[in-house]
């Protein structure tokens, strides 16, 4: 007999009577169908779970999961697997009580073959697979999974199904994110080109999330003329995300949306998709230094350069976002040095730097400061330009007369 569910969870009998609210449940899979296409564009997974309060075979709680990608569906491979469902909703559908997934639903699956028949000595650690945004299972969840699995007749469990080639190419997210190691594609933002892939290191200026996508604004304090020009004292601009409103459908309050810098064309907007987006939403903060692997550089809708980090087709469970907490890393030290030089220049040049940051072009000699005798020098340049224009005008008049004389004496052919 299984013990009661961990704190924060409902048993299946109680959950079945709680409709249209987010809740957390656990159960043993007693029936399931392989993933398939729904009538729309999503993939769908259907399975039935039981616990000590609800059902046996054919008499449990049916669950249905929908996701845009097959790799995001629960990794159920046989009956006897134990599943955790967080933030799932119970609904009545065609006269049947069913647990339906939504955009916030997460899952963890413990394969039956990895669940011991009895508790051994030492720390409880069960093999499992989960969505990227789910935390590793707690001891209480692991103990309850063991209890649930062993409350059933294990001899009736079906053997795990073999993955097809297609399924192998989109296997679910594993328990511990696989962090990609840097490759020889590292680049500064100033050197990236359209339709190429790069590894980037920089600091996060802004972060937004929107319907499962995460947008990071990354700077390494180098400039690229194809980037959006952020100006001092202005809102974040047409090229920036607005609190998850990427297309500007909602109004903005510019007082709360001042761009913090750096100003100019130094910040690359990078859109992250699952599983990278889930990791970034949960772990990455503004001002963090990060490493992004395999970012595709492209033109955005506004014809400005931006980046995209999609799901890796060969390794869909791999997370290509690494937080660089070690500031002794040479790449981080380089970014920090350029950042320090940038803000020191801003401080030393004062008003002249603010003119530049506002987008008011004001040429300066290297080293900053206004040149001495600038007005006198400018006046001399103007006089020289006027004299040159006068000479060219006289020359043009002479050329016109010469052509007139030539035409007057020439005969048509």
Protein backbone atom coordinates (compact mmCIF):
# COMPACT_ATOMS: atom_id res chain seq x y z
CA UNK A 1 0.00 0.00 0.00
CA UNK A 2 1.39 3.36 -1.02
CA UNK A 3 1.86 6.04 1.61
CA UNK A 4 0.27 9.46 1.21
CA UNK A 5 1.59 11.96 -1.39
CA UNK A 6 4.28 14.50 -0.46
CA UNK A 7 3.40 17.98 0.76
CA UNK A 8 2.03 20.11 -2.06
CA UNK A 9 0.45 17.14 -3.87
CA UNK A 10 -3.07 15.71 -3.97
CA UNK A 11 -4.01 12.08 -4.19
CA UNK A 12 -5.79 11.21 -7.46
CA UNK A 13 -9.23 10.75 -5.91
CA UNK A 14 -9.16 14.22 -4.33
CA UNK A 15 -7.66 15.77 -7.46
CA UNK A 16 -10.42 14.32 -9.64
CA UNK A 17 -12.94 16.57 -7.84
CA UNK A 18 -10.87 19.76 -8.16
CA UNK A 19 -11.66 21.15 -11.59
CA UNK A 20 -10.02 24.04 -13.46
CA UNK A 21 -7.28 24.79 -10.92
CA UNK A 22 -3.55 24.14 -11.15
CA UNK A 23 -2.49 21.24 -8.95
CA UNK A 24 0.30 18.69 -8.50
CA UNK A 25 -0.21 14.93 -8.70
CA UNK A 26 1.79 11.69 -8.91
CA UNK A 27 0.74 8.29 -10.18
CA UNK A 28 1.75 4.95 -11.70
CA UNK A 29 1.21 4.57 -15.45
CA UNK A 30 -1.10 1.60 -16.15
CA UNK A 31 -1.93 2.37 -19.76
CA UNK A 32 -0.51 4.67 -22.45
CA UNK A 33 -0.45 5.41 -26.15
CA UNK A 34 2.68 6.33 -28.13
CA UNK A 35 3.03 10.03 -29.00
CA UNK A 36 1.05 11.13 -32.04
CA UNK A 37 0.00 14.24 -33.91
CA UNK A 38 -3.08 16.03 -32.62
CA UNK A 39 -5.69 17.42 -35.00
CA UNK A 40 -3.83 20.71 -34.84
CA UNK A 41 -0.08 21.29 -35.07
CA UNK A 42 0.90 19.87 -31.66
CA UNK A 43 2.09 16.45 -30.58
CA UNK A 44 -0.08 14.56 -28.09
CA UNK A 45 0.52 11.94 -25.41
CA UNK A 46 -2.30 10.07 -23.64
CA UNK A 47 -1.86 7.85 -20.57
CA UNK A 48 -3.69 6.61 -17.46
CA UNK A 49 -2.32 6.79 -13.92
CA UNK A 50 -3.44 5.29 -10.61
CA UNK A 51 -2.53 5.49 -6.93
CA UNK A 52 -3.85 3.88 -3.74
CA UNK A 53 -6.99 6.08 -3.82
CA UNK A 54 -8.04 5.65 -7.42
CA UNK A 55 -8.36 2.67 -9.66
CA UNK A 56 -6.62 -0.26 -11.05
CA UNK A 57 -6.10 -1.20 -14.64
CA UNK A 58 -8.59 0.64 -16.85
CA UNK A 59 -9.97 2.60 -13.89
CA UNK A 60 -7.55 5.43 -13.15
CA UNK A 61 -7.19 9.09 -14.10
CA UNK A 62 -6.63 9.69 -17.79
CA UNK A 63 -4.12 12.41 -18.69
CA UNK A 64 -3.49 14.13 -21.99
CA UNK A 65 -0.42 16.19 -22.81
CA UNK A 66 0.02 18.59 -25.74
CA UNK A 67 3.28 20.14 -26.85
CA UNK A 68 4.65 21.76 -30.05
CA UNK A 69 7.58 19.31 -30.08
CA UNK A 70 7.53 15.56 -29.47
CA UNK A 71 10.65 15.88 -27.30
CA UNK A 72 8.65 17.95 -24.78
CA UNK A 73 6.13 15.14 -24.09
CA UNK A 74 6.45 12.94 -20.98
CA UNK A 75 9.02 10.19 -21.58
CA UNK A 76 6.78 7.20 -20.79
CA UNK A 77 8.23 3.90 -22.05
CA UNK A 78 6.15 1.30 -20.26
CA UNK A 79 3.52 0.58 -17.64
CA UNK A 80 4.87 0.82 -14.12
CA UNK A 81 6.64 4.10 -14.82
CA UNK A 82 5.84 6.70 -12.15
CA UNK A 83 5.12 10.25 -13.27
CA UNK A 84 5.05 13.62 -11.51
CA UNK A 85 2.73 16.24 -13.02
CA UNK A 86 3.03 19.80 -11.76
CA UNK A 87 0.55 22.59 -12.55
CA UNK A 88 -1.88 20.33 -14.36
CA UNK A 89 -5.63 21.08 -14.63
CA UNK A 90 -8.48 18.58 -14.10
CA UNK A 91 -11.34 19.05 -16.56
CA UNK A 92 -14.48 17.34 -17.78
CA UNK A 93 -14.02 16.36 -21.43
CA UNK A 94 -16.66 14.40 -23.36
CA UNK A 95 -18.21 13.35 -20.05
CA UNK A 96 -14.87 12.05 -18.75
CA UNK A 97 -12.60 13.44 -16.03
CA UNK A 98 -9.19 14.09 -17.49
CA UNK A 99 -5.94 15.82 -16.51
CA UNK A 100 -4.92 18.30 -19.23
CA UNK A 101 -1.56 19.99 -19.65
CA UNK A 102 -1.13 23.73 -20.14
CA UNK A 103 1.79 26.03 -20.85
CA UNK A 104 2.99 25.87 -17.21
CA UNK A 105 2.76 22.09 -16.79
CA UNK A 106 5.98 20.24 -16.01
CA UNK A 107 6.70 16.53 -15.70
CA UNK A 108 9.20 14.06 -14.28
CA UNK A 109 9.18 10.33 -15.14
CA UNK A 110 10.81 7.56 -13.08
CA UNK A 111 11.23 4.44 -15.29
CA UNK A 112 9.88 1.32 -13.58
CA UNK A 113 13.14 -0.52 -14.22
CA UNK A 114 15.03 2.12 -12.21
CA UNK A 115 12.74 1.89 -9.15
CA UNK A 116 13.95 -0.61 -6.50
CA UNK A 117 11.57 -3.10 -4.94
CA UNK A 118 12.71 -2.04 -1.50
CA UNK A 119 14.63 0.82 0.07
CA UNK A 120 18.33 0.22 0.46
CA UNK A 121 20.85 1.97 2.63
CA UNK A 122 22.07 5.49 1.92
CA UNK A 123 20.75 8.42 -0.06
CA UNK A 124 17.71 7.96 -2.29
CA UNK A 125 18.62 8.71 -5.91
CA UNK A 126 16.36 7.48 -8.67
CA UNK A 127 17.10 7.73 -12.38
CA UNK A 128 14.57 9.98 -14.04
CA UNK A 129 13.84 12.22 -16.99
CA UNK A 130 12.16 15.60 -16.78
CA UNK A 131 11.40 18.87 -18.48
CA UNK A 132 14.19 21.43 -18.33
CA UNK A 133 12.35 23.80 -15.99
CA UNK A 134 11.48 21.12 -13.42
CA UNK A 135 13.66 20.92 -10.34
CA UNK A 136 15.28 17.56 -9.54
CA UNK A 137 12.92 15.36 -7.50
CA UNK A 138 13.06 15.70 -3.74
CA UNK A 139 13.66 12.82 -1.35
CA UNK A 140 9.95 12.82 -0.47
CA UNK A 141 8.97 12.61 -4.15
CA UNK A 142 11.45 9.78 -4.75
CA UNK A 143 10.24 7.81 -1.73
CA UNK A 144 6.62 8.23 -2.84
CA UNK A 145 7.55 7.05 -6.35
CA UNK A 146 9.04 3.87 -4.88
CA UNK A 147 5.92 3.34 -2.77
CA UNK A 148 3.59 3.91 -5.72
CA UNK A 149 5.44 1.55 -8.04
CA UNK A 150 5.58 -1.24 -5.48
CA UNK A 151 1.89 -0.88 -4.65
CA UNK A 152 1.24 -2.52 -8.04
CA UNK A 153 1.92 -6.07 -9.21
CA UNK A 154 5.27 -5.54 -10.92
CA UNK A 155 4.89 -8.76 -12.89
CA UNK A 156 2.15 -7.09 -14.93
CA UNK A 157 4.36 -4.20 -16.05
CA UNK A 158 5.02 -4.11 -19.78
CA UNK A 159 8.65 -4.09 -20.95
CA UNK A 160 9.92 -0.66 -22.02
CA UNK A 161 9.19 0.07 -25.66
CA UNK A 162 12.09 0.66 -28.03
CA UNK A 163 12.44 4.15 -29.43
CA UNK A 164 12.05 4.59 -33.17
CA UNK A 165 14.68 6.48 -35.14
CA UNK A 166 12.46 9.56 -35.14
CA UNK A 167 11.92 9.32 -31.40
CA UNK A 168 15.64 8.90 -30.80
CA UNK A 169 16.28 12.17 -32.56
CA UNK A 170 13.92 13.99 -30.20
CA UNK A 171 14.50 12.32 -26.86
CA UNK A 172 13.23 14.16 -23.75
CA UNK A 173 15.28 16.32 -21.46
CA UNK A 174 17.43 14.37 -19.03
CA UNK A 175 17.67 15.05 -15.35
CA UNK A 176 20.86 17.10 -15.38
CA UNK A 177 21.26 19.64 -18.18
CA UNK A 178 24.14 18.87 -20.52
CA UNK A 179 26.14 22.06 -20.84
CA UNK A 180 27.90 22.43 -24.17
CA UNK A 181 31.65 22.95 -24.10
CA UNK A 182 33.00 25.97 -26.02
CA UNK A 183 33.99 25.26 -29.63
CA UNK A 184 36.12 27.14 -32.11
CA UNK A 185 33.28 29.43 -33.15
CA UNK A 186 33.78 32.08 -30.51
CA UNK A 187 33.29 35.61 -31.79
CA UNK A 188 32.92 39.18 -30.60
CA UNK A 189 29.63 40.86 -31.42
CA UNK A 190 31.51 43.30 -33.66
CA UNK A 191 32.64 40.44 -35.91
CA UNK A 192 29.45 38.38 -36.34
CA UNK A 193 27.92 38.02 -39.83
CA UNK A 194 24.37 37.32 -41.02
CA UNK A 195 23.38 33.65 -41.56
CA UNK A 196 26.28 32.27 -39.52
CA UNK A 197 26.51 30.51 -36.15
CA UNK A 198 28.67 31.69 -33.26
CA UNK A 199 29.55 31.15 -29.62
CA UNK A 200 29.19 34.42 -27.71
CA UNK A 201 30.27 35.63 -24.27
CA UNK A 202 28.85 38.79 -22.75
CA UNK A 203 26.79 40.43 -20.03
CA UNK A 204 22.99 40.45 -19.86
CA UNK A 205 21.53 43.96 -20.07
CA UNK A 206 17.83 42.99 -20.15
CA UNK A 207 15.78 39.79 -19.99
CA UNK A 208 12.16 39.17 -21.02
CA UNK A 209 9.97 36.08 -21.32
CA UNK A 210 7.01 35.59 -23.62
CA UNK A 211 4.95 32.40 -24.14
CA UNK A 212 7.77 29.95 -23.50
CA UNK A 213 10.35 32.08 -25.32
CA UNK A 214 13.04 34.06 -23.54
CA UNK A 215 14.73 37.15 -24.99
CA UNK A 216 18.18 38.11 -23.75
CA UNK A 217 19.89 41.41 -24.53
CA UNK A 218 23.61 40.65 -24.61
CA UNK A 219 26.58 43.01 -24.84
CA UNK A 220 30.32 42.37 -24.93
CA UNK A 221 31.02 46.13 -25.28
CA UNK A 222 31.98 45.88 -28.95
CA UNK A 223 30.00 47.61 -31.71
CA UNK A 224 28.30 46.33 -34.85
CA UNK A 225 26.67 48.76 -37.29
CA UNK A 226 23.79 46.35 -38.00
CA UNK A 227 22.55 46.46 -34.41
CA UNK A 228 19.84 48.72 -32.99
CA UNK A 229 21.13 52.13 -31.84
CA UNK A 230 20.22 52.61 -28.17
CA UNK A 231 20.29 56.28 -27.19
CA UNK A 232 20.68 57.84 -23.75
CA UNK A 233 17.52 59.32 -22.23
CA UNK A 234 15.22 57.46 -24.64
CA UNK A 235 12.92 54.47 -24.06
CA UNK A 236 14.27 51.09 -25.01
CA UNK A 237 13.41 51.70 -28.64
CA UNK A 238 11.55 50.06 -31.47
CA UNK A 239 14.00 47.20 -31.60
CA UNK A 240 13.64 46.21 -27.95
CA UNK A 241 11.20 43.86 -26.30
CA UNK A 242 8.62 45.48 -24.04
CA UNK A 243 7.98 43.35 -20.95
CA UNK A 244 7.13 40.30 -23.04
CA UNK A 245 5.28 42.38 -25.66
CA UNK A 246 7.75 41.82 -28.51
CA UNK A 247 5.53 43.35 -31.17
CA UNK A 248 4.48 46.39 -29.16
CA UNK A 249 0.78 45.61 -28.93
CA UNK A 250 0.52 47.14 -25.48
CA UNK A 251 1.34 50.68 -24.39
CA UNK A 252 4.61 51.45 -22.65
CA UNK A 253 5.51 53.74 -19.80
CA UNK A 254 8.86 55.15 -20.86
CA UNK A 255 9.72 56.36 -17.34
CA UNK A 256 10.16 52.72 -16.34
CA UNK A 257 11.78 51.61 -19.57
CA UNK A 258 14.94 53.73 -19.77
CA UNK A 259 17.74 51.84 -21.43
CA UNK A 260 20.49 51.31 -18.82
CA UNK A 261 23.35 51.24 -21.34
CA UNK A 262 25.63 50.63 -23.02
CA UNK A 263 24.47 53.14 -25.61
CA UNK A 264 24.99 52.93 -29.33
CA UNK A 265 25.13 49.71 -31.35
CA UNK A 266 26.59 47.39 -28.74
CA UNK A 267 23.70 45.13 -27.68
CA UNK A 268 22.49 41.99 -29.49
CA UNK A 269 18.94 40.72 -28.93
CA UNK A 270 18.93 36.89 -28.76
CA UNK A 271 15.68 34.88 -28.78
CA UNK A 272 15.90 31.55 -26.90
CA UNK A 273 13.60 28.58 -27.46
CA UNK A 274 13.08 25.43 -25.39
CA UNK A 275 14.95 23.99 -23.58
CA UNK A 276 17.35 26.98 -23.47
CA UNK A 277 14.52 29.43 -22.73
CA UNK A 278 13.31 27.49 -19.68
CA UNK A 279 16.82 27.35 -18.24
CA UNK A 280 17.38 31.07 -18.86
CA UNK A 281 14.01 32.11 -17.40
CA UNK A 282 14.71 30.18 -14.21
CA UNK A 283 18.42 30.86 -13.78
CA UNK A 284 19.79 33.81 -15.77
CA UNK A 285 19.58 37.31 -14.25
CA UNK A 286 20.33 40.76 -15.61
CA UNK A 287 24.02 41.66 -15.24
CA UNK A 288 25.04 37.97 -15.33
CA UNK A 289 27.93 37.02 -17.58
CA UNK A 290 26.97 34.12 -19.83
CA UNK A 291 28.20 31.93 -22.66
CA UNK A 292 25.78 31.17 -25.52
CA UNK A 293 26.64 28.34 -27.86
CA UNK A 294 25.64 28.04 -31.52
CA UNK A 295 23.68 31.30 -31.85
CA UNK A 296 22.37 31.92 -35.35
CA UNK A 297 22.78 35.52 -36.51
CA UNK A 298 20.00 36.81 -38.76
CA UNK A 299 17.98 39.87 -39.73
CA UNK A 300 14.90 40.60 -37.61
CA UNK A 301 11.57 42.00 -38.74
CA UNK A 302 12.93 45.53 -38.47
CA UNK A 303 15.94 44.70 -40.71
CA UNK A 304 18.29 44.88 -37.73
CA UNK A 305 20.68 42.15 -36.68
CA UNK A 306 19.53 39.72 -33.97
CA UNK A 307 20.33 36.23 -32.73
CA UNK A 308 18.33 33.02 -32.28
CA UNK A 309 19.07 29.93 -30.20
CA UNK A 310 16.79 27.06 -31.23
CA UNK A 311 16.48 23.47 -30.02
CA UNK A 312 19.42 21.35 -31.16
CA UNK A 313 17.99 18.78 -33.59
CA UNK A 314 20.66 16.19 -32.87
CA UNK A 315 20.74 16.77 -29.11
CA UNK A 316 17.35 18.26 -28.14
CA UNK A 317 18.12 17.84 -24.44
CA UNK A 318 21.26 19.97 -24.56
CA UNK A 319 21.17 23.42 -22.98
CA UNK A 320 23.48 25.87 -24.73
CA UNK A 321 23.38 28.56 -22.05
CA UNK A 322 26.13 28.67 -19.42
CA UNK A 323 26.31 31.19 -16.58
CA UNK A 324 29.94 32.23 -16.13
CA UNK A 325 30.22 32.74 -12.40
CA UNK A 326 34.00 32.54 -12.47
CA UNK A 327 35.05 36.11 -13.22
CA UNK A 328 38.65 34.93 -13.56
CA UNK A 329 37.64 33.39 -16.90
CA UNK A 330 39.68 35.23 -19.54
CA UNK A 331 36.60 35.87 -21.71
CA UNK A 332 34.73 37.42 -18.79
CA UNK A 333 37.76 39.49 -17.81
CA UNK A 334 37.94 40.87 -21.35
CA UNK A 335 34.26 41.91 -21.26
CA UNK A 336 34.72 43.48 -17.83
CA UNK A 337 37.77 45.40 -19.04
CA UNK A 338 35.93 46.80 -22.06
CA UNK A 339 32.98 47.67 -19.82
CA UNK A 340 35.24 49.54 -17.41
CA UNK A 341 36.92 51.44 -20.26
CA UNK A 342 33.54 52.34 -21.74
CA UNK A 343 32.11 53.80 -18.53
CA UNK A 344 35.40 55.53 -17.62
CA UNK A 345 35.27 57.25 -21.01
CA UNK A 346 31.66 58.21 -20.35
CA UNK A 347 32.63 59.73 -17.00
CA UNK A 348 35.69 61.60 -18.31
CA UNK A 349 34.00 63.07 -21.39
CA UNK A 350 30.88 64.12 -19.50
CA UNK A 351 28.50 66.21 -21.61
CA UNK A 352 30.27 65.33 -24.85
CA UNK A 353 29.71 61.64 -24.22
CA UNK A 354 26.03 62.30 -23.46
CA UNK A 355 25.71 64.12 -26.80
CA UNK A 356 26.99 60.98 -28.47
CA UNK A 357 24.74 58.73 -26.37
CA UNK A 358 21.70 60.82 -27.28
CA UNK A 359 22.48 60.28 -30.95
CA UNK A 360 23.71 63.85 -31.46
CA UNK A 361 26.74 63.38 -33.64
CA UNK A 362 29.58 65.53 -32.45
CA UNK A 363 32.96 64.69 -33.86
CA UNK A 364 35.84 64.61 -31.44
CA UNK A 365 39.53 64.00 -31.84
CA UNK A 366 40.89 60.84 -30.26
CA UNK A 367 41.39 61.28 -26.55
CA UNK A 368 38.27 63.41 -26.11
CA UNK A 369 37.84 67.12 -25.56
CA UNK A 370 37.23 69.94 -28.04
CA UNK A 371 40.23 70.95 -30.19
CA UNK A 372 41.83 74.32 -29.53
CA UNK A 373 41.31 77.08 -32.11
CA UNK A 374 38.49 75.08 -33.68
CA UNK A 375 36.49 78.18 -34.80
CA UNK A 376 39.49 79.79 -36.55
CA UNK A 377 40.46 76.55 -38.25
CA UNK A 378 36.91 76.01 -39.45
CA UNK A 379 36.79 79.52 -40.92
CA UNK A 380 40.01 78.90 -42.84
CA UNK A 381 38.61 75.63 -44.21
CA UNK A 382 35.47 77.42 -45.39
CA UNK A 383 37.54 80.10 -47.18
CA UNK A 384 39.65 77.44 -48.89
CA UNK A 385 36.53 75.56 -50.00
CA UNK A 386 35.00 78.79 -51.42
CA UNK A 387 38.20 79.57 -53.36
CA UNK A 388 38.30 76.03 -54.75
CA UNK A 389 34.65 76.25 -55.81
CA UNK A 390 35.31 79.58 -57.54
CA UNK A 391 38.24 78.14 -59.51
CA UNK A 392 36.19 75.12 -60.56
CA UNK A 393 33.37 77.43 -61.68
CA UNK A 394 35.71 79.50 -63.89
CA UNK A 395 37.18 76.32 -65.34
CA UNK A 396 33.70 74.99 -66.13
CA UNK A 397 32.81 78.25 -67.94
CA UNK A 398 35.92 78.01 -70.12
CA UNK A 399 35.16 74.40 -70.95
CA UNK A 400 31.62 75.35 -71.99
CA UNK A 401 32.90 78.08 -74.36
CA UNK A 402 35.45 75.73 -75.91
CA UNK A 403 32.69 73.18 -76.61
CA UNK A 404 30.49 75.90 -78.12
CA UNK A 405 33.24 76.99 -80.50
CA UNK A 406 33.93 73.37 -81.48
CA UNK A 407 30.27 72.64 -82.20
CA UNK A 408 29.86 75.86 -84.18
CA UNK A 409 32.58 74.84 -86.64
CA UNK A 410 31.82 71.14 -86.83
CA UNK A 411 29.64 69.59 -89.52
CA UNK A 412 27.08 66.90 -88.88
CA UNK A 413 28.06 63.38 -89.97
